[in-house]
Amino acid sequence: METAVKKTKRSVLKKAKIEAVKAAAKTGPAVAYLYDVPTSPRKMRLVADLIRGERVNKALNILKYETKHPSGRLEKLLLSAIANWQAKNEDVKLEDADLYVKEIFVDGGRVLKRLRPAPQGRAHRVRKRSNHVTLVVDRKAKEESKTTETKE
């Protein structure tokens, strides 16, 4: 009457779940981070907004010819994200991939506080801001690229 049901250990289930998450992370979007950039987040966001949602080639051209100083760092970060995507998806050619900047956001980093002499023996605080940038690159889905082509 009694059937022996073998119960798997919780540690085995946990290892299997971790392996599944690692396997899923090997494909899909690639992420690149840039920490503690000594530029205010507001200035970096001005350049980041220019490339959000753009195709990778167009974004690289925008950053190459942009005169604002954060564009050089973002160009290097975008190239790093492309290299990360290539490492994840070795079987797909970069030219056929149709990559675009899926997400880019700039968060405030640490603030260095300095004192500057002011008149009559006082001191004013100077806040030297920094920021953190996160950039996500992914492939355009076939349906998305077809609908955008028909709209154009």
N, C-alpha and C. Protein backbone atom coordinates (compact mmCIF):
# COMPACT_ATOMS: atom_id res chain seq x y z
N MET A 1 0.81 -1.19 0.00
CA MET A 1 0.00 0.00 0.00
C MET A 1 0.86 1.26 0.00
N GLU A 2 1.86 1.30 0.79
CA GLU A 2 2.69 2.49 0.87
C GLU A 2 3.70 2.49 -0.27
N THR A 3 3.74 3.62 -1.00
CA THR A 3 4.73 3.76 -2.07
C THR A 3 5.86 4.63 -1.55
N ALA A 4 7.04 4.20 -1.84
CA ALA A 4 8.22 4.93 -1.36
C ALA A 4 8.53 6.06 -2.35
N VAL A 5 8.30 7.29 -1.94
CA VAL A 5 8.61 8.45 -2.76
C VAL A 5 9.92 9.04 -2.24
N LYS A 6 10.89 9.08 -3.12
CA LYS A 6 12.20 9.60 -2.70
C LYS A 6 12.17 11.12 -2.79
N LYS A 7 12.49 11.75 -1.71
CA LYS A 7 12.49 13.20 -1.62
C LYS A 7 13.90 13.72 -1.85
N THR A 8 14.02 14.69 -2.75
CA THR A 8 15.35 15.25 -3.01
C THR A 8 15.70 16.26 -1.92
N LYS A 9 16.98 16.33 -1.66
CA LYS A 9 17.44 17.25 -0.62
C LYS A 9 17.29 18.69 -1.08
N ARG A 10 17.12 19.55 -0.12
CA ARG A 10 16.98 20.96 -0.42
C ARG A 10 18.24 21.55 -1.04
N SER A 11 19.40 21.06 -0.60
CA SER A 11 20.66 21.56 -1.14
C SER A 11 20.82 21.20 -2.62
N VAL A 12 20.33 20.03 -3.01
CA VAL A 12 20.39 19.62 -4.41
C VAL A 12 19.48 20.51 -5.26
N LEU A 13 18.30 20.80 -4.76
CA LEU A 13 17.37 21.68 -5.47
C LEU A 13 17.95 23.09 -5.61
N LYS A 14 18.60 23.55 -4.54
CA LYS A 14 19.19 24.88 -4.55
C LYS A 14 20.32 24.97 -5.58
N LYS A 15 21.17 23.93 -5.66
CA LYS A 15 22.25 23.90 -6.65
C LYS A 15 21.69 23.89 -8.06
N ALA A 16 20.63 23.13 -8.29
CA ALA A 16 20.01 23.06 -9.62
C ALA A 16 19.45 24.42 -10.02
N LYS A 17 18.85 25.12 -9.07
CA LYS A 17 18.29 26.44 -9.34
C LYS A 17 19.40 27.44 -9.69
N ILE A 18 20.52 27.38 -8.96
CA ILE A 18 21.64 28.27 -9.22
C ILE A 18 22.23 27.99 -10.60
N GLU A 19 22.36 26.72 -10.96
CA GLU A 19 22.87 26.36 -12.29
C GLU A 19 21.94 26.86 -13.39
N ALA A 20 20.63 26.80 -13.17
CA ALA A 20 19.67 27.28 -14.16
C ALA A 20 19.79 28.79 -14.35
N VAL A 21 19.99 29.51 -13.26
CA VAL A 21 20.15 30.96 -13.34
C VAL A 21 21.44 31.31 -14.09
N LYS A 22 22.52 30.57 -13.82
CA LYS A 22 23.79 30.81 -14.51
C LYS A 22 23.67 30.52 -16.00
N ALA A 23 22.95 29.46 -16.36
CA ALA A 23 22.78 29.11 -17.77
C ALA A 23 21.96 30.18 -18.49
N ALA A 24 20.96 30.73 -17.81
CA ALA A 24 20.13 31.78 -18.42
C ALA A 24 20.92 33.07 -18.58
N ALA A 25 21.87 33.30 -17.69
CA ALA A 25 22.66 34.54 -17.75
C ALA A 25 23.70 34.51 -18.86
N LYS A 26 23.98 33.32 -19.40
CA LYS A 26 24.98 33.22 -20.45
C LYS A 26 24.47 33.71 -21.80
N THR A 27 23.17 33.88 -21.93
CA THR A 27 22.60 34.43 -23.16
C THR A 27 21.79 35.65 -22.80
N GLY A 28 21.40 36.42 -23.81
CA GLY A 28 20.57 37.58 -23.57
C GLY A 28 21.37 38.87 -23.49
N PRO A 29 20.83 39.87 -22.80
CA PRO A 29 21.47 41.19 -22.79
C PRO A 29 22.79 41.18 -22.04
N ALA A 30 23.67 42.09 -22.45
CA ALA A 30 24.96 42.24 -21.79
C ALA A 30 24.99 43.58 -21.05
N VAL A 31 25.63 43.58 -19.90
CA VAL A 31 25.66 44.76 -19.04
C VAL A 31 27.11 45.21 -18.85
N ALA A 32 27.30 46.53 -18.81
CA ALA A 32 28.61 47.09 -18.48
C ALA A 32 28.40 48.20 -17.45
N TYR A 33 29.30 48.27 -16.49
CA TYR A 33 29.20 49.25 -15.41
C TYR A 33 30.41 50.17 -15.43
N LEU A 34 30.19 51.39 -14.96
CA LEU A 34 31.27 52.36 -14.81
C LEU A 34 31.04 53.04 -13.46
N TYR A 35 31.97 52.85 -12.54
CA TYR A 35 31.80 53.37 -11.19
C TYR A 35 32.73 54.54 -10.90
N ASP A 36 32.26 55.43 -10.03
CA ASP A 36 33.04 56.56 -9.52
C ASP A 36 33.67 57.42 -10.61
N VAL A 37 32.84 57.83 -11.56
CA VAL A 37 33.31 58.74 -12.61
C VAL A 37 33.30 60.15 -12.02
N PRO A 38 34.42 60.88 -12.06
CA PRO A 38 34.47 62.19 -11.42
C PRO A 38 33.79 63.29 -12.23
N THR A 39 32.54 63.07 -12.55
CA THR A 39 31.71 64.05 -13.27
C THR A 39 30.38 64.09 -12.56
N SER A 40 29.72 65.23 -12.54
CA SER A 40 28.43 65.28 -11.87
C SER A 40 27.42 64.44 -12.65
N PRO A 41 26.49 63.80 -11.95
CA PRO A 41 25.51 62.95 -12.63
C PRO A 41 24.67 63.73 -13.64
N ARG A 42 24.42 64.98 -13.37
CA ARG A 42 23.60 65.80 -14.27
C ARG A 42 24.26 65.96 -15.64
N LYS A 43 25.57 66.19 -15.64
CA LYS A 43 26.30 66.34 -16.90
C LYS A 43 26.36 65.02 -17.65
N MET A 44 26.52 63.92 -16.91
CA MET A 44 26.59 62.60 -17.56
C MET A 44 25.23 62.22 -18.15
N ARG A 45 24.15 62.57 -17.46
CA ARG A 45 22.81 62.24 -17.97
C ARG A 45 22.50 62.94 -19.28
N LEU A 46 23.03 64.14 -19.47
CA LEU A 46 22.80 64.86 -20.72
C LEU A 46 23.31 64.05 -21.91
N VAL A 47 24.46 63.41 -21.76
CA VAL A 47 25.03 62.61 -22.84
C VAL A 47 24.34 61.25 -22.91
N ALA A 48 24.02 60.67 -21.76
CA ALA A 48 23.38 59.35 -21.74
C ALA A 48 22.01 59.39 -22.42
N ASP A 49 21.30 60.50 -22.28
CA ASP A 49 19.98 60.63 -22.90
C ASP A 49 20.06 60.63 -24.42
N LEU A 50 21.20 61.03 -24.97
CA LEU A 50 21.36 61.07 -26.42
C LEU A 50 21.37 59.68 -27.05
N ILE A 51 21.90 58.68 -26.32
CA ILE A 51 22.05 57.36 -26.93
C ILE A 51 21.03 56.33 -26.45
N ARG A 52 20.16 56.69 -25.53
CA ARG A 52 19.19 55.73 -25.01
C ARG A 52 18.25 55.27 -26.13
N GLY A 53 18.17 53.95 -26.33
CA GLY A 53 17.28 53.37 -27.33
C GLY A 53 17.83 53.35 -28.74
N GLU A 54 19.03 53.88 -28.95
CA GLU A 54 19.60 53.95 -30.30
C GLU A 54 20.31 52.64 -30.66
N ARG A 55 20.45 52.39 -31.95
CA ARG A 55 21.24 51.26 -32.41
C ARG A 55 22.70 51.52 -32.04
N VAL A 56 23.47 50.46 -31.88
CA VAL A 56 24.83 50.58 -31.37
C VAL A 56 25.72 51.41 -32.30
N ASN A 57 25.62 51.19 -33.61
CA ASN A 57 26.46 51.95 -34.54
C ASN A 57 26.16 53.44 -34.49
N LYS A 58 24.88 53.77 -34.44
CA LYS A 58 24.48 55.17 -34.37
C LYS A 58 24.93 55.80 -33.05
N ALA A 59 24.79 55.04 -31.96
CA ALA A 59 25.20 55.53 -30.64
C ALA A 59 26.71 55.80 -30.60
N LEU A 60 27.50 54.91 -31.21
CA LEU A 60 28.95 55.12 -31.25
C LEU A 60 29.30 56.38 -32.04
N ASN A 61 28.59 56.61 -33.15
CA ASN A 61 28.83 57.83 -33.93
C ASN A 61 28.45 59.08 -33.14
N ILE A 62 27.33 59.02 -32.45
CA ILE A 62 26.90 60.17 -31.64
C ILE A 62 27.95 60.49 -30.59
N LEU A 63 28.44 59.46 -29.90
CA LEU A 63 29.41 59.68 -28.82
C LEU A 63 30.76 60.15 -29.37
N LYS A 64 31.13 59.66 -30.54
CA LYS A 64 32.43 60.03 -31.11
C LYS A 64 32.49 61.52 -31.44
N TYR A 65 31.38 62.07 -31.93
CA TYR A 65 31.39 63.46 -32.38
C TYR A 65 30.72 64.42 -31.39
N GLU A 66 30.34 63.93 -30.23
CA GLU A 66 29.77 64.79 -29.20
C GLU A 66 30.90 65.56 -28.51
N THR A 67 30.70 66.87 -28.27
CA THR A 67 31.76 67.69 -27.70
C THR A 67 31.82 67.65 -26.18
N LYS A 68 30.78 67.22 -25.52
CA LYS A 68 30.78 67.20 -24.05
C LYS A 68 31.78 66.16 -23.54
N HIS A 69 32.46 66.47 -22.44
CA HIS A 69 33.55 65.61 -21.98
C HIS A 69 33.12 64.22 -21.50
N PRO A 70 31.90 63.98 -20.99
CA PRO A 70 31.56 62.61 -20.59
C PRO A 70 31.40 61.63 -21.75
N SER A 71 31.31 62.16 -22.98
CA SER A 71 31.05 61.27 -24.12
C SER A 71 32.19 60.29 -24.36
N GLY A 72 33.42 60.67 -24.06
CA GLY A 72 34.55 59.75 -24.24
C GLY A 72 34.45 58.54 -23.34
N ARG A 73 34.07 58.77 -22.10
CA ARG A 73 33.93 57.66 -21.15
C ARG A 73 32.75 56.76 -21.53
N LEU A 74 31.65 57.35 -21.98
CA LEU A 74 30.50 56.55 -22.38
C LEU A 74 30.78 55.74 -23.64
N GLU A 75 31.58 56.31 -24.54
CA GLU A 75 31.95 55.56 -25.76
C GLU A 75 32.74 54.31 -25.38
N LYS A 76 33.67 54.46 -24.47
CA LYS A 76 34.47 53.33 -24.01
C LYS A 76 33.60 52.29 -23.30
N LEU A 77 32.63 52.77 -22.51
CA LEU A 77 31.71 51.87 -21.81
C LEU A 77 30.84 51.10 -22.79
N LEU A 78 30.38 51.77 -23.84
CA LEU A 78 29.56 51.11 -24.86
C LEU A 78 30.36 50.03 -25.59
N LEU A 79 31.61 50.31 -25.90
CA LEU A 79 32.46 49.30 -26.53
C LEU A 79 32.66 48.10 -25.60
N SER A 80 32.76 48.36 -24.30
CA SER A 80 32.89 47.28 -23.33
C SER A 80 31.62 46.44 -23.28
N ALA A 81 30.46 47.08 -23.33
CA ALA A 81 29.19 46.34 -23.31
C ALA A 81 29.04 45.47 -24.56
N ILE A 82 29.51 45.99 -25.71
CA ILE A 82 29.46 45.21 -26.95
C ILE A 82 30.36 43.99 -26.83
N ALA A 83 31.56 44.18 -26.26
CA ALA A 83 32.48 43.06 -26.07
C ALA A 83 31.89 42.03 -25.10
N ASN A 84 31.18 42.49 -24.07
CA ASN A 84 30.53 41.57 -23.13
C ASN A 84 29.45 40.77 -23.85
N TRP A 85 28.70 41.42 -24.74
CA TRP A 85 27.65 40.72 -25.49
C TRP A 85 28.27 39.68 -26.41
N GLN A 86 29.39 40.02 -27.05
CA GLN A 86 30.07 39.06 -27.93
C GLN A 86 30.57 37.85 -27.15
N ALA A 87 31.06 38.07 -25.94
CA ALA A 87 31.54 36.97 -25.11
C ALA A 87 30.39 36.04 -24.72
N LYS A 88 29.22 36.60 -24.48
CA LYS A 88 28.05 35.79 -24.12
C LYS A 88 27.50 35.02 -25.31
N ASN A 89 27.48 35.67 -26.48
CA ASN A 89 26.86 35.09 -27.67
C ASN A 89 27.91 34.86 -28.75
N GLU A 90 28.75 33.88 -28.55
CA GLU A 90 29.85 33.62 -29.48
C GLU A 90 29.36 33.07 -30.82
N ASP A 91 28.19 32.42 -30.83
CA ASP A 91 27.70 31.80 -32.05
C ASP A 91 27.04 32.79 -33.01
N VAL A 92 26.75 34.00 -32.57
CA VAL A 92 26.06 35.00 -33.40
C VAL A 92 27.06 36.05 -33.87
N LYS A 93 26.99 36.40 -35.16
CA LYS A 93 27.86 37.46 -35.68
C LYS A 93 27.36 38.81 -35.20
N LEU A 94 28.28 39.70 -34.93
CA LEU A 94 27.94 41.03 -34.44
C LEU A 94 27.17 41.83 -35.49
N GLU A 95 27.52 41.66 -36.77
CA GLU A 95 26.86 42.40 -37.85
C GLU A 95 25.39 41.98 -38.00
N ASP A 96 25.11 40.69 -37.73
CA ASP A 96 23.74 40.18 -37.89
C ASP A 96 22.90 40.39 -36.64
N ALA A 97 23.51 40.82 -35.56
CA ALA A 97 22.83 40.85 -34.27
C ALA A 97 21.82 41.98 -34.13
N ASP A 98 22.04 43.12 -34.78
CA ASP A 98 21.14 44.27 -34.67
C ASP A 98 21.02 44.73 -33.21
N LEU A 99 22.17 45.07 -32.62
CA LEU A 99 22.23 45.48 -31.21
C LEU A 99 21.75 46.92 -31.03
N TYR A 100 21.18 47.18 -29.86
CA TYR A 100 20.78 48.54 -29.49
C TYR A 100 20.98 48.76 -28.01
N VAL A 101 21.00 50.02 -27.61
CA VAL A 101 21.18 50.37 -26.20
C VAL A 101 19.82 50.23 -25.53
N LYS A 102 19.65 49.13 -24.81
CA LYS A 102 18.35 48.83 -24.19
C LYS A 102 18.09 49.74 -23.00
N GLU A 103 19.11 49.88 -22.15
CA GLU A 103 18.97 50.71 -20.95
C GLU A 103 20.28 51.43 -20.70
N ILE A 104 20.17 52.64 -20.23
CA ILE A 104 21.35 53.34 -19.72
C ILE A 104 20.85 54.27 -18.62
N PHE A 105 21.43 54.16 -17.45
CA PHE A 105 21.06 55.08 -16.39
C PHE A 105 22.26 55.49 -15.57
N VAL A 106 22.15 56.70 -15.02
CA VAL A 106 23.24 57.31 -14.28
C VAL A 106 22.76 57.57 -12.86
N ASP A 107 23.48 57.03 -11.90
CA ASP A 107 23.16 57.24 -10.49
C ASP A 107 24.25 58.08 -9.85
N GLY A 108 23.90 58.77 -8.80
CA GLY A 108 24.87 59.58 -8.08
C GLY A 108 25.86 58.70 -7.34
N GLY A 109 27.10 59.10 -7.31
CA GLY A 109 28.13 58.36 -6.59
C GLY A 109 28.52 59.08 -5.32
N ARG A 110 29.73 58.82 -4.88
CA ARG A 110 30.18 59.45 -3.64
C ARG A 110 30.49 60.93 -3.89
N VAL A 111 30.29 61.75 -2.88
CA VAL A 111 30.53 63.19 -2.97
C VAL A 111 31.72 63.53 -2.09
N LEU A 112 32.76 64.09 -2.70
CA LEU A 112 33.92 64.53 -1.93
C LEU A 112 33.67 65.96 -1.47
N LYS A 113 33.80 66.21 -0.17
CA LYS A 113 33.52 67.54 0.36
C LYS A 113 34.83 68.24 0.67
N ARG A 114 34.98 69.43 0.10
CA ARG A 114 36.19 70.21 0.28
C ARG A 114 35.81 71.60 0.79
N LEU A 115 36.77 72.30 1.39
CA LEU A 115 36.52 73.65 1.88
C LEU A 115 37.30 74.65 1.05
N ARG A 116 36.64 75.75 0.72
CA ARG A 116 37.28 76.81 -0.07
C ARG A 116 37.22 78.09 0.77
N PRO A 117 38.31 78.83 0.83
CA PRO A 117 38.30 80.07 1.62
C PRO A 117 37.26 81.06 1.10
N ALA A 118 36.61 81.73 2.03
CA ALA A 118 35.60 82.73 1.69
C ALA A 118 35.96 84.02 2.42
N PRO A 119 35.33 85.12 2.06
CA PRO A 119 35.66 86.41 2.70
C PRO A 119 35.40 86.41 4.21
N GLN A 120 36.14 87.25 4.90
CA GLN A 120 35.99 87.51 6.33
C GLN A 120 36.22 86.26 7.18
N GLY A 121 37.17 85.43 6.76
CA GLY A 121 37.58 84.28 7.56
C GLY A 121 36.63 83.10 7.54
N ARG A 122 35.66 83.15 6.69
CA ARG A 122 34.71 82.03 6.62
C ARG A 122 35.19 81.01 5.59
N ALA A 123 34.44 79.90 5.49
CA ALA A 123 34.78 78.86 4.51
C ALA A 123 33.49 78.39 3.84
N HIS A 124 33.57 78.15 2.54
CA HIS A 124 32.44 77.60 1.79
C HIS A 124 32.75 76.15 1.44
N ARG A 125 31.72 75.32 1.47
CA ARG A 125 31.91 73.91 1.14
C ARG A 125 31.77 73.70 -0.36
N VAL A 126 32.71 72.98 -0.94
CA VAL A 126 32.66 72.62 -2.36
C VAL A 126 32.36 71.12 -2.42
N ARG A 127 31.31 70.76 -3.14
CA ARG A 127 30.94 69.35 -3.27
C ARG A 127 31.38 68.84 -4.64
N LYS A 128 32.36 67.95 -4.65
CA LYS A 128 32.84 67.36 -5.90
C LYS A 128 32.08 66.06 -6.10
N ARG A 129 31.17 66.07 -7.06
CA ARG A 129 30.28 64.94 -7.26
C ARG A 129 30.89 63.89 -8.17
N SER A 130 30.39 62.66 -8.04
CA SER A 130 30.78 61.58 -8.95
C SER A 130 29.52 60.78 -9.29
N ASN A 131 29.63 59.84 -10.23
CA ASN A 131 28.45 59.09 -10.62
C ASN A 131 28.80 57.66 -10.98
N HIS A 132 27.76 56.83 -11.10
CA HIS A 132 27.87 55.44 -11.54
C HIS A 132 26.97 55.29 -12.77
N VAL A 133 27.48 54.64 -13.82
CA VAL A 133 26.71 54.45 -15.05
C VAL A 133 26.51 52.96 -15.27
N THR A 134 25.29 52.57 -15.65
CA THR A 134 24.97 51.20 -16.02
C THR A 134 24.41 51.21 -17.43
N LEU A 135 24.98 50.38 -18.30
CA LEU A 135 24.57 50.34 -19.70
C LEU A 135 24.23 48.90 -20.08
N VAL A 136 23.05 48.68 -20.68
CA VAL A 136 22.59 47.36 -21.09
C VAL A 136 22.42 47.34 -22.61
N VAL A 137 23.04 46.36 -23.25
CA VAL A 137 22.96 46.20 -24.71
C VAL A 137 22.26 44.88 -25.01
N ASP A 138 21.32 44.91 -25.97
CA ASP A 138 20.58 43.70 -26.32
C ASP A 138 20.24 43.69 -27.80
N ARG A 139 19.77 42.55 -28.28
CA ARG A 139 19.35 42.43 -29.68
C ARG A 139 17.92 42.93 -29.83
N LYS A 140 17.64 43.51 -30.98
CA LYS A 140 16.26 43.86 -31.30
C LYS A 140 15.54 42.58 -31.67
N ALA A 141 14.34 42.38 -31.15
CA ALA A 141 13.55 41.21 -31.52
C ALA A 141 13.10 41.38 -32.97
N LYS A 142 12.87 40.26 -33.65
CA LYS A 142 12.49 40.31 -35.07
C LYS A 142 11.20 41.09 -35.27
N GLU A 143 10.22 40.91 -34.38
CA GLU A 143 8.93 41.60 -34.51
C GLU A 143 9.10 43.11 -34.35
N GLU A 144 9.97 43.51 -33.38
CA GLU A 144 10.18 44.94 -33.13
C GLU A 144 10.83 45.61 -34.34
N SER A 145 11.83 44.94 -34.92
CA SER A 145 12.53 45.56 -36.04
C SER A 145 11.63 45.65 -37.27
N LYS A 146 10.72 44.68 -37.46
CA LYS A 146 9.80 44.73 -38.60
C LYS A 146 8.80 45.86 -38.43
N THR A 147 8.29 46.08 -37.23
CA THR A 147 7.30 47.15 -37.02
C THR A 147 7.95 48.52 -37.16
N THR A 148 9.20 48.66 -36.75
CA THR A 148 9.86 49.96 -36.88
C THR A 148 10.17 50.25 -38.35
N GLU A 149 10.48 49.20 -39.13
CA GLU A 149 10.75 49.40 -40.55
C GLU A 149 9.49 49.82 -41.29
N THR A 150 8.33 49.26 -40.92
CA THR A 150 7.09 49.63 -41.60
C THR A 150 6.67 51.04 -41.27
N LYS A 151 6.97 51.51 -40.05
CA LYS A 151 6.63 52.88 -39.66
C LYS A 151 7.48 53.90 -40.40
N GLU A 152 8.72 53.56 -40.67
CA GLU A 152 9.62 54.49 -41.35
C GLU A 152 9.26 54.53 -42.79
